[in-house]
Amino acid sequence: MSTATQTPSAARRQAPLRDRYLDDPGAAISTKRVVSVPTDDTDSWHGRITAPRFPGITWDYGIDSKVGGDDDLPNPGHLLCAALAACLESTTRIVAEHYGIVLDDLTVEVTGDVDVRGALLVDRDVRTGFRQIDARIRVRPATGTDERLVRQMLAQAEALCITLDTIRHGTQVDVATEVDDADN
């Protein structure tokens, strides 16, 4: 299925947004919020999250067996890789449409690995986070598409992917904690 038949024109959707954000930069801020949702199934090894903006949509997760979990559901590392894959795929499709490139096929595969000795305090010199994340974008443009244009489109998509930029360059994360009085 081609990108051109899947969505309305990216240029038509984005042009008025660009004009608006030039006039009002504050209008360009998009805030994302996700909340954990305790359920009867919530235990140390399982949980559920939701984005309150989308009532009824939840993501159940489990914990990797390498840190003691059951490995029966996608774990938070899978969710991170999924966010990157979704962002790379959607950004590539949007940029392809801007370039007028019809994609007959697009697949994004993201693989990451973690040395869990850091999370288990086996070795304090081992970082807790991912050691490496690799993303592979495979495209098959319509026959006759200029290869240079496809390369340019892919470079532009990589440069514009919000999740990729966040992972590559990091962002400040503030963690606030609250402890409720157990007697209330």
N, C-alpha and C. Protein backbone atom coordinates (compact mmCIF):
# COMPACT_ATOMS: atom_id res chain seq x y z
N MET A 1 0.84 -1.17 0.00
CA MET A 1 0.00 0.00 0.00
C MET A 1 0.88 1.24 0.00
N SER A 2 0.57 2.19 -0.81
CA SER A 2 1.42 3.37 -0.92
C SER A 2 1.06 4.40 0.14
N THR A 3 2.06 5.17 0.54
CA THR A 3 1.86 6.23 1.52
C THR A 3 0.86 7.26 1.02
N ALA A 4 0.92 7.58 -0.26
CA ALA A 4 0.08 8.63 -0.82
C ALA A 4 -1.41 8.33 -0.65
N THR A 5 -1.81 7.05 -0.62
CA THR A 5 -3.22 6.72 -0.48
C THR A 5 -3.63 6.51 0.97
N GLN A 6 -2.70 6.55 1.91
CA GLN A 6 -3.03 6.26 3.30
C GLN A 6 -3.47 7.49 4.09
N THR A 7 -2.90 8.65 3.85
CA THR A 7 -3.18 9.82 4.66
C THR A 7 -3.39 11.05 3.80
N PRO A 8 -4.12 12.03 4.34
CA PRO A 8 -4.22 13.30 3.61
C PRO A 8 -2.83 13.93 3.49
N SER A 9 -2.72 14.90 2.62
CA SER A 9 -1.44 15.52 2.33
C SER A 9 -0.78 16.11 3.57
N ALA A 10 0.45 15.71 3.81
CA ALA A 10 1.22 16.23 4.94
C ALA A 10 1.41 17.73 4.79
N ALA A 11 1.70 18.18 3.60
CA ALA A 11 1.91 19.61 3.37
C ALA A 11 0.64 20.40 3.69
N ARG A 12 -0.49 19.89 3.27
CA ARG A 12 -1.77 20.58 3.51
C ARG A 12 -2.08 20.63 5.01
N ARG A 13 -1.75 19.58 5.74
CA ARG A 13 -2.00 19.55 7.18
C ARG A 13 -1.01 20.42 7.95
N GLN A 14 0.25 20.43 7.49
CA GLN A 14 1.29 21.08 8.29
C GLN A 14 1.50 22.55 7.96
N ALA A 15 1.16 23.01 6.78
CA ALA A 15 1.39 24.42 6.42
C ALA A 15 0.70 25.38 7.39
N PRO A 16 -0.58 25.19 7.72
CA PRO A 16 -1.20 26.13 8.65
C PRO A 16 -0.59 26.05 10.05
N LEU A 17 -0.10 24.89 10.41
CA LEU A 17 0.56 24.75 11.72
C LEU A 17 1.84 25.56 11.76
N ARG A 18 2.63 25.47 10.68
CA ARG A 18 3.88 26.24 10.62
C ARG A 18 3.59 27.74 10.76
N ASP A 19 2.58 28.22 10.04
CA ASP A 19 2.22 29.64 10.12
C ASP A 19 1.80 30.01 11.54
N ARG A 20 1.00 29.17 12.15
CA ARG A 20 0.53 29.44 13.52
C ARG A 20 1.70 29.49 14.51
N TYR A 21 2.62 28.53 14.38
CA TYR A 21 3.73 28.45 15.33
C TYR A 21 4.75 29.58 15.12
N LEU A 22 4.83 30.11 13.92
CA LEU A 22 5.66 31.29 13.69
C LEU A 22 5.10 32.48 14.46
N ASP A 23 3.78 32.60 14.46
CA ASP A 23 3.12 33.70 15.16
C ASP A 23 3.04 33.47 16.67
N ASP A 24 2.90 32.21 17.08
CA ASP A 24 2.72 31.88 18.49
C ASP A 24 3.53 30.63 18.84
N PRO A 25 4.84 30.78 19.14
CA PRO A 25 5.69 29.63 19.44
C PRO A 25 5.16 28.76 20.59
N GLY A 26 4.49 29.35 21.55
CA GLY A 26 3.95 28.57 22.66
C GLY A 26 2.90 27.57 22.24
N ALA A 27 2.23 27.84 21.13
CA ALA A 27 1.20 26.93 20.62
C ALA A 27 1.82 25.64 20.07
N ALA A 28 3.13 25.63 19.86
CA ALA A 28 3.80 24.46 19.30
C ALA A 28 4.18 23.42 20.36
N ILE A 29 3.97 23.74 21.63
CA ILE A 29 4.33 22.80 22.70
C ILE A 29 3.26 21.72 22.79
N SER A 30 3.68 20.48 22.67
CA SER A 30 2.79 19.32 22.77
C SER A 30 3.21 18.51 23.98
N THR A 31 2.35 18.42 24.96
CA THR A 31 2.66 17.72 26.20
C THR A 31 2.08 16.31 26.16
N LYS A 32 2.89 15.34 26.52
CA LYS A 32 2.46 13.95 26.57
C LYS A 32 2.37 13.55 28.04
N ARG A 33 1.37 12.77 28.40
CA ARG A 33 1.21 12.33 29.79
C ARG A 33 0.77 10.87 29.79
N VAL A 34 1.47 10.08 30.55
CA VAL A 34 1.15 8.66 30.72
C VAL A 34 1.13 8.39 32.21
N VAL A 35 0.20 7.54 32.65
CA VAL A 35 0.02 7.26 34.07
C VAL A 35 -0.07 5.76 34.27
N SER A 36 0.54 5.28 35.34
CA SER A 36 0.38 3.87 35.67
C SER A 36 -1.01 3.66 36.27
N VAL A 37 -1.57 2.48 36.01
CA VAL A 37 -2.93 2.17 36.45
C VAL A 37 -2.89 0.88 37.26
N PRO A 38 -2.96 0.99 38.59
CA PRO A 38 -2.97 -0.24 39.39
C PRO A 38 -4.23 -1.07 39.08
N THR A 39 -4.06 -2.37 38.97
CA THR A 39 -5.18 -3.27 38.73
C THR A 39 -5.02 -4.47 39.66
N ASP A 40 -5.99 -5.36 39.62
CA ASP A 40 -5.89 -6.59 40.42
C ASP A 40 -4.70 -7.44 39.97
N ASP A 41 -4.28 -7.26 38.71
CA ASP A 41 -3.16 -8.02 38.16
C ASP A 41 -1.81 -7.38 38.45
N THR A 42 -1.80 -6.16 39.01
CA THR A 42 -0.54 -5.47 39.27
C THR A 42 0.22 -6.18 40.38
N ASP A 43 1.45 -6.51 40.09
CA ASP A 43 2.35 -7.08 41.10
C ASP A 43 3.74 -6.53 40.81
N SER A 44 4.76 -7.06 41.43
CA SER A 44 6.11 -6.55 41.20
C SER A 44 6.58 -6.76 39.78
N TRP A 45 5.97 -7.66 39.05
CA TRP A 45 6.45 -8.07 37.74
C TRP A 45 5.52 -7.70 36.60
N HIS A 46 4.40 -7.05 36.90
CA HIS A 46 3.42 -6.69 35.88
C HIS A 46 2.79 -5.35 36.20
N GLY A 47 2.36 -4.66 35.18
CA GLY A 47 1.67 -3.40 35.40
C GLY A 47 0.94 -2.96 34.16
N ARG A 48 0.33 -1.80 34.28
CA ARG A 48 -0.45 -1.25 33.18
C ARG A 48 -0.24 0.26 33.18
N ILE A 49 -0.15 0.82 31.98
CA ILE A 49 -0.07 2.27 31.83
C ILE A 49 -1.14 2.73 30.86
N THR A 50 -1.48 4.00 30.96
CA THR A 50 -2.47 4.58 30.06
C THR A 50 -2.09 6.02 29.77
N ALA A 51 -2.56 6.51 28.66
CA ALA A 51 -2.46 7.93 28.33
C ALA A 51 -3.86 8.48 28.56
N PRO A 52 -4.07 9.27 29.63
CA PRO A 52 -5.42 9.73 29.98
C PRO A 52 -6.17 10.41 28.84
N ARG A 53 -5.45 10.96 27.88
CA ARG A 53 -6.11 11.60 26.73
C ARG A 53 -6.88 10.58 25.88
N PHE A 54 -6.54 9.31 26.01
CA PHE A 54 -7.16 8.26 25.22
C PHE A 54 -7.83 7.24 26.15
N PRO A 55 -8.99 7.58 26.71
CA PRO A 55 -9.65 6.70 27.68
C PRO A 55 -9.88 5.30 27.09
N GLY A 56 -9.64 4.31 27.90
CA GLY A 56 -9.85 2.93 27.48
C GLY A 56 -8.66 2.29 26.79
N ILE A 57 -7.65 3.07 26.45
CA ILE A 57 -6.45 2.52 25.82
C ILE A 57 -5.41 2.31 26.92
N THR A 58 -4.95 1.08 27.05
CA THR A 58 -3.92 0.77 28.05
C THR A 58 -2.87 -0.11 27.43
N TRP A 59 -1.71 -0.12 28.06
CA TRP A 59 -0.63 -1.01 27.66
C TRP A 59 -0.22 -1.80 28.89
N ASP A 60 -0.38 -3.10 28.81
CA ASP A 60 0.09 -3.97 29.88
C ASP A 60 1.56 -4.27 29.63
N TYR A 61 2.31 -4.37 30.71
CA TYR A 61 3.72 -4.69 30.57
C TYR A 61 4.12 -5.71 31.63
N GLY A 62 5.20 -6.40 31.32
CA GLY A 62 5.81 -7.34 32.25
C GLY A 62 7.27 -6.96 32.42
N ILE A 63 7.97 -7.78 33.13
CA ILE A 63 9.38 -7.52 33.38
C ILE A 63 10.21 -8.67 32.81
N ASP A 64 11.35 -8.31 32.27
CA ASP A 64 12.30 -9.23 31.64
C ASP A 64 12.72 -10.33 32.62
N SER A 65 12.79 -11.55 32.13
CA SER A 65 13.22 -12.68 32.97
C SER A 65 14.66 -12.51 33.44
N LYS A 66 15.46 -11.74 32.74
CA LYS A 66 16.86 -11.56 33.14
C LYS A 66 17.00 -10.74 34.42
N VAL A 67 15.90 -10.10 34.85
CA VAL A 67 15.91 -9.41 36.15
C VAL A 67 14.89 -10.02 37.11
N GLY A 68 14.40 -11.22 36.78
CA GLY A 68 13.50 -11.95 37.67
C GLY A 68 12.05 -11.98 37.25
N GLY A 69 11.69 -11.29 36.17
CA GLY A 69 10.30 -11.27 35.72
C GLY A 69 9.92 -12.54 34.98
N ASP A 70 8.67 -12.55 34.53
CA ASP A 70 8.13 -13.73 33.84
C ASP A 70 8.35 -13.68 32.33
N ASP A 71 8.75 -12.53 31.77
CA ASP A 71 8.95 -12.37 30.34
C ASP A 71 7.71 -12.78 29.55
N ASP A 72 6.54 -12.45 30.09
CA ASP A 72 5.29 -12.86 29.45
C ASP A 72 4.56 -11.72 28.72
N LEU A 73 5.09 -10.52 28.86
CA LEU A 73 4.52 -9.36 28.18
C LEU A 73 5.67 -8.45 27.75
N PRO A 74 5.44 -7.54 26.82
CA PRO A 74 6.49 -6.58 26.50
C PRO A 74 6.91 -5.85 27.77
N ASN A 75 8.21 -5.59 27.89
CA ASN A 75 8.69 -4.89 29.08
C ASN A 75 8.96 -3.42 28.74
N PRO A 76 9.29 -2.60 29.72
CA PRO A 76 9.52 -1.19 29.43
C PRO A 76 10.57 -0.95 28.34
N GLY A 77 11.56 -1.81 28.23
CA GLY A 77 12.54 -1.67 27.14
C GLY A 77 11.90 -1.86 25.78
N HIS A 78 10.96 -2.81 25.68
CA HIS A 78 10.22 -2.98 24.43
C HIS A 78 9.41 -1.72 24.12
N LEU A 79 8.81 -1.13 25.14
CA LEU A 79 8.01 0.07 24.93
C LEU A 79 8.87 1.23 24.43
N LEU A 80 10.09 1.35 24.97
CA LEU A 80 11.02 2.38 24.49
C LEU A 80 11.37 2.13 23.02
N CYS A 81 11.70 0.89 22.68
CA CYS A 81 12.02 0.55 21.29
C CYS A 81 10.80 0.76 20.39
N ALA A 82 9.62 0.44 20.90
CA ALA A 82 8.39 0.64 20.11
C ALA A 82 8.16 2.12 19.85
N ALA A 83 8.41 2.97 20.84
CA ALA A 83 8.23 4.41 20.65
C ALA A 83 9.17 4.90 19.55
N LEU A 84 10.41 4.43 19.57
CA LEU A 84 11.36 4.84 18.54
C LEU A 84 10.94 4.33 17.17
N ALA A 85 10.52 3.07 17.08
CA ALA A 85 10.09 2.51 15.79
C ALA A 85 8.88 3.27 15.24
N ALA A 86 7.91 3.56 16.09
CA ALA A 86 6.71 4.28 15.65
C ALA A 86 7.06 5.68 15.17
N CYS A 87 7.94 6.35 15.89
CA CYS A 87 8.32 7.71 15.51
C CYS A 87 9.11 7.71 14.21
N LEU A 88 10.06 6.80 14.06
CA LEU A 88 10.83 6.73 12.82
C LEU A 88 9.93 6.39 11.63
N GLU A 89 9.01 5.46 11.81
CA GLU A 89 8.14 5.08 10.70
C GLU A 89 7.23 6.24 10.30
N SER A 90 6.57 6.85 11.28
CA SER A 90 5.64 7.93 10.95
C SER A 90 6.38 9.14 10.36
N THR A 91 7.54 9.46 10.91
CA THR A 91 8.31 10.60 10.38
C THR A 91 8.75 10.31 8.95
N THR A 92 9.19 9.09 8.68
CA THR A 92 9.60 8.72 7.33
C THR A 92 8.43 8.84 6.36
N ARG A 93 7.26 8.38 6.76
CA ARG A 93 6.08 8.47 5.88
C ARG A 93 5.71 9.93 5.59
N ILE A 94 5.74 10.76 6.63
CA ILE A 94 5.38 12.17 6.45
C ILE A 94 6.38 12.88 5.55
N VAL A 95 7.67 12.64 5.79
CA VAL A 95 8.70 13.29 4.96
C VAL A 95 8.63 12.76 3.53
N ALA A 96 8.38 11.48 3.36
CA ALA A 96 8.24 10.93 2.00
C ALA A 96 7.10 11.63 1.27
N GLU A 97 6.01 11.87 1.97
CA GLU A 97 4.89 12.55 1.33
C GLU A 97 5.27 13.98 0.95
N HIS A 98 5.99 14.68 1.82
CA HIS A 98 6.46 16.03 1.49
C HIS A 98 7.34 16.02 0.23
N TYR A 99 8.16 14.98 0.09
CA TYR A 99 9.05 14.88 -1.06
C TYR A 99 8.34 14.35 -2.30
N GLY A 100 7.09 13.93 -2.14
CA GLY A 100 6.37 13.36 -3.26
C GLY A 100 6.80 11.94 -3.59
N ILE A 101 7.38 11.27 -2.62
CA ILE A 101 7.86 9.90 -2.83
C ILE A 101 6.78 8.93 -2.38
N VAL A 102 6.41 8.03 -3.26
CA VAL A 102 5.47 6.97 -2.92
C VAL A 102 6.29 5.78 -2.41
N LEU A 103 5.96 5.32 -1.23
CA LEU A 103 6.65 4.16 -0.66
C LEU A 103 5.77 2.93 -0.83
N ASP A 104 6.27 1.96 -1.57
CA ASP A 104 5.54 0.71 -1.73
C ASP A 104 5.66 -0.15 -0.48
N ASP A 105 6.74 0.06 0.28
CA ASP A 105 6.92 -0.70 1.52
C ASP A 105 7.84 0.11 2.45
N LEU A 106 7.56 0.03 3.73
CA LEU A 106 8.38 0.67 4.76
C LEU A 106 8.32 -0.19 6.01
N THR A 107 9.47 -0.58 6.50
CA THR A 107 9.57 -1.36 7.73
C THR A 107 10.65 -0.73 8.59
N VAL A 108 10.34 -0.55 9.87
CA VAL A 108 11.32 -0.05 10.83
C VAL A 108 11.49 -1.12 11.90
N GLU A 109 12.74 -1.49 12.13
CA GLU A 109 13.06 -2.48 13.16
C GLU A 109 14.03 -1.83 14.14
N VAL A 110 13.71 -1.92 15.44
CA VAL A 110 14.55 -1.35 16.48
C VAL A 110 14.96 -2.46 17.43
N THR A 111 16.25 -2.54 17.70
CA THR A 111 16.80 -3.54 18.61
C THR A 111 17.70 -2.84 19.61
N GLY A 112 17.51 -3.15 20.86
CA GLY A 112 18.37 -2.58 21.90
C GLY A 112 18.81 -3.66 22.86
N ASP A 113 19.95 -3.44 23.50
CA ASP A 113 20.37 -4.41 24.51
C ASP A 113 20.84 -3.72 25.78
N VAL A 114 20.58 -4.40 26.86
CA VAL A 114 20.88 -3.91 28.20
C VAL A 114 21.70 -4.97 28.92
N ASP A 115 22.74 -4.55 29.62
CA ASP A 115 23.48 -5.44 30.51
C ASP A 115 22.82 -5.28 31.88
N VAL A 116 22.01 -6.25 32.28
CA VAL A 116 21.19 -6.12 33.48
C VAL A 116 21.99 -6.21 34.78
N ARG A 117 23.29 -6.46 34.69
CA ARG A 117 24.09 -6.47 35.92
C ARG A 117 24.01 -5.11 36.61
N GLY A 118 23.85 -4.03 35.84
CA GLY A 118 23.72 -2.71 36.44
C GLY A 118 22.44 -2.58 37.25
N ALA A 119 21.32 -3.05 36.69
CA ALA A 119 20.03 -2.97 37.37
C ALA A 119 19.96 -3.89 38.59
N LEU A 120 20.72 -4.96 38.57
CA LEU A 120 20.72 -5.91 39.69
C LEU A 120 21.83 -5.64 40.70
N LEU A 121 22.58 -4.55 40.48
CA LEU A 121 23.69 -4.17 41.36
C LEU A 121 24.75 -5.27 41.48
N VAL A 122 24.90 -6.04 40.40
CA VAL A 122 25.94 -7.07 40.36
C VAL A 122 27.30 -6.41 40.16
N ASP A 123 27.31 -5.36 39.34
CA ASP A 123 28.54 -4.64 39.05
C ASP A 123 28.20 -3.15 38.96
N ARG A 124 28.64 -2.39 39.93
CA ARG A 124 28.31 -0.95 39.99
C ARG A 124 28.95 -0.16 38.85
N ASP A 125 29.89 -0.74 38.14
CA ASP A 125 30.50 -0.06 37.00
C ASP A 125 29.70 -0.24 35.71
N VAL A 126 28.68 -1.08 35.75
CA VAL A 126 27.84 -1.33 34.58
C VAL A 126 26.65 -0.38 34.64
N ARG A 127 26.49 0.36 33.58
CA ARG A 127 25.38 1.31 33.47
C ARG A 127 24.04 0.57 33.50
N THR A 128 23.04 1.18 34.11
CA THR A 128 21.72 0.57 34.21
C THR A 128 20.97 0.58 32.87
N GLY A 129 21.18 1.60 32.08
CA GLY A 129 20.41 1.76 30.84
C GLY A 129 20.91 0.93 29.68
N PHE A 130 20.25 1.13 28.55
CA PHE A 130 20.63 0.42 27.32
C PHE A 130 22.08 0.71 26.97
N ARG A 131 22.76 -0.33 26.51
CA ARG A 131 24.14 -0.17 26.01
C ARG A 131 24.12 0.35 24.59
N GLN A 132 23.17 -0.13 23.81
CA GLN A 132 23.12 0.16 22.37
C GLN A 132 21.68 0.03 21.91
N ILE A 133 21.28 0.91 21.02
CA ILE A 133 20.00 0.79 20.32
C ILE A 133 20.30 0.96 18.85
N ASP A 134 19.85 0.00 18.05
CA ASP A 134 20.04 0.05 16.61
C ASP A 134 18.67 0.14 15.94
N ALA A 135 18.56 1.02 14.98
CA ALA A 135 17.32 1.16 14.21
C ALA A 135 17.64 0.90 12.74
N ARG A 136 16.81 0.10 12.11
CA ARG A 136 16.97 -0.19 10.68
C ARG A 136 15.67 0.21 9.98
N ILE A 137 15.82 1.10 9.01
CA ILE A 137 14.68 1.53 8.20
C ILE A 137 14.86 0.92 6.82
N ARG A 138 13.88 0.14 6.39
CA ARG A 138 13.91 -0.45 5.06
C ARG A 138 12.77 0.16 4.25
N VAL A 139 13.12 0.77 3.14
CA VAL A 139 12.09 1.35 2.27
C VAL A 139 12.18 0.74 0.88
N ARG A 140 11.02 0.65 0.26
CA ARG A 140 10.97 0.28 -1.15
C ARG A 140 10.12 1.35 -1.82
N PRO A 141 10.80 2.32 -2.44
CA PRO A 141 10.05 3.37 -3.12
C PRO A 141 9.45 2.82 -4.41
N ALA A 142 8.47 3.54 -4.90
CA ALA A 142 7.84 3.16 -6.17
C ALA A 142 8.91 3.11 -7.27
N THR A 143 8.71 2.25 -8.21
CA THR A 143 9.63 2.11 -9.33
C THR A 143 9.86 3.45 -10.00
N GLY A 144 11.15 3.72 -10.29
CA GLY A 144 11.51 4.94 -10.99
C GLY A 144 11.82 6.13 -10.09
N THR A 145 11.72 5.95 -8.78
CA THR A 145 12.01 7.05 -7.86
C THR A 145 13.51 7.30 -7.82
N ASP A 146 13.92 8.55 -7.91
CA ASP A 146 15.33 8.94 -7.88
C ASP A 146 15.96 8.52 -6.55
N GLU A 147 17.01 7.70 -6.62
CA GLU A 147 17.67 7.19 -5.41
C GLU A 147 18.24 8.32 -4.56
N ARG A 148 18.76 9.37 -5.20
CA ARG A 148 19.30 10.51 -4.42
C ARG A 148 18.20 11.18 -3.60
N LEU A 149 17.03 11.28 -4.18
CA LEU A 149 15.89 11.88 -3.48
C LEU A 149 15.47 11.01 -2.29
N VAL A 150 15.52 9.70 -2.47
CA VAL A 150 15.18 8.77 -1.39
C VAL A 150 16.19 8.91 -0.26
N ARG A 151 17.47 8.99 -0.59
CA ARG A 151 18.52 9.16 0.45
C ARG A 151 18.33 10.48 1.19
N GLN A 152 18.01 11.52 0.44
CA GLN A 152 17.77 12.83 1.05
C GLN A 152 16.55 12.77 1.99
N MET A 153 15.51 12.10 1.55
CA MET A 153 14.30 11.93 2.35
C MET A 153 14.60 11.18 3.64
N LEU A 154 15.40 10.12 3.55
CA LEU A 154 15.74 9.33 4.74
C LEU A 154 16.59 10.13 5.73
N ALA A 155 17.52 10.92 5.22
CA ALA A 155 18.34 11.76 6.10
C ALA A 155 17.46 12.80 6.80
N GLN A 156 16.52 13.36 6.06
CA GLN A 156 15.61 14.36 6.64
C GLN A 156 14.72 13.71 7.71
N ALA A 157 14.21 12.52 7.44
CA ALA A 157 13.37 11.82 8.42
C ALA A 157 14.16 11.54 9.70
N GLU A 158 15.39 11.11 9.55
CA GLU A 158 16.25 10.85 10.71
C GLU A 158 16.46 12.13 11.51
N ALA A 159 16.68 13.23 10.83
CA ALA A 159 16.92 14.50 11.51
C ALA A 159 15.67 15.02 12.22
N LEU A 160 14.48 14.67 11.74
CA LEU A 160 13.24 15.22 12.28
C LEU A 160 12.52 14.31 13.27
N CYS A 161 13.01 13.11 13.50
CA CYS A 161 12.35 12.16 14.39
C CYS A 161 12.53 12.61 15.85
N ILE A 162 11.44 12.97 16.50
CA ILE A 162 11.47 13.50 17.86
C ILE A 162 12.03 12.48 18.85
N THR A 163 11.57 11.25 18.78
CA THR A 163 12.03 10.23 19.74
C THR A 163 13.49 9.91 19.52
N LEU A 164 13.93 9.83 18.29
CA LEU A 164 15.35 9.58 18.01
C LEU A 164 16.21 10.70 18.57
N ASP A 165 15.80 11.94 18.35
CA ASP A 165 16.55 13.08 18.88
C ASP A 165 16.61 13.03 20.41
N THR A 166 15.51 12.68 21.04
CA THR A 166 15.47 12.60 22.51
C THR A 166 16.43 11.54 23.03
N ILE A 167 16.44 10.38 22.39
CA ILE A 167 17.33 9.30 22.83
C ILE A 167 18.79 9.68 22.57
N ARG A 168 19.06 10.21 21.40
CA ARG A 168 20.44 10.56 21.06
C ARG A 168 21.01 11.68 21.92
N HIS A 169 20.20 12.67 22.21
CA HIS A 169 20.71 13.86 22.89
C HIS A 169 20.24 13.99 24.33
N GLY A 170 19.39 13.09 24.75
CA GLY A 170 18.90 13.13 26.12
C GLY A 170 18.03 14.34 26.39
N THR A 171 17.36 14.29 27.47
CA THR A 171 16.54 15.40 27.91
C THR A 171 16.48 15.35 29.42
N GLN A 172 16.32 16.48 30.03
CA GLN A 172 16.26 16.51 31.48
C GLN A 172 15.02 15.76 31.94
N VAL A 173 15.18 14.89 32.93
CA VAL A 173 14.07 14.17 33.52
C VAL A 173 14.09 14.46 35.01
N ASP A 174 13.07 15.14 35.48
CA ASP A 174 12.94 15.41 36.90
C ASP A 174 11.99 14.38 37.50
N VAL A 175 12.38 13.77 38.59
CA VAL A 175 11.55 12.78 39.26
C VAL A 175 11.12 13.37 40.60
N ALA A 176 9.82 13.53 40.77
CA ALA A 176 9.27 14.00 42.03
C ALA A 176 8.65 12.81 42.75
N THR A 177 8.89 12.69 44.01
CA THR A 177 8.32 11.58 44.77
C THR A 177 7.44 12.12 45.88
N GLU A 178 6.40 11.38 46.19
CA GLU A 178 5.49 11.71 47.29
C GLU A 178 5.31 10.45 48.10
N VAL A 179 5.29 10.58 49.39
CA VAL A 179 5.02 9.46 50.27
C VAL A 179 3.77 9.81 51.05
N ASP A 180 2.69 9.08 50.78
CA ASP A 180 1.44 9.32 51.50
C ASP A 180 1.51 8.67 52.86
N ASP A 181 0.89 9.29 53.83
CA ASP A 181 0.83 8.75 55.19
C ASP A 181 0.02 7.45 55.16
N ALA A 182 0.61 6.38 55.59
CA ALA A 182 -0.03 5.07 55.55
C ALA A 182 -1.27 5.01 56.44
N ASP A 183 -1.39 5.91 57.42
CA ASP A 183 -2.53 5.89 58.33
C ASP A 183 -3.76 6.59 57.77
N ASN A 184 -3.62 7.27 56.65
CA ASN A 184 -4.79 7.99 56.09
C ASN A 184 -5.53 7.18 55.10
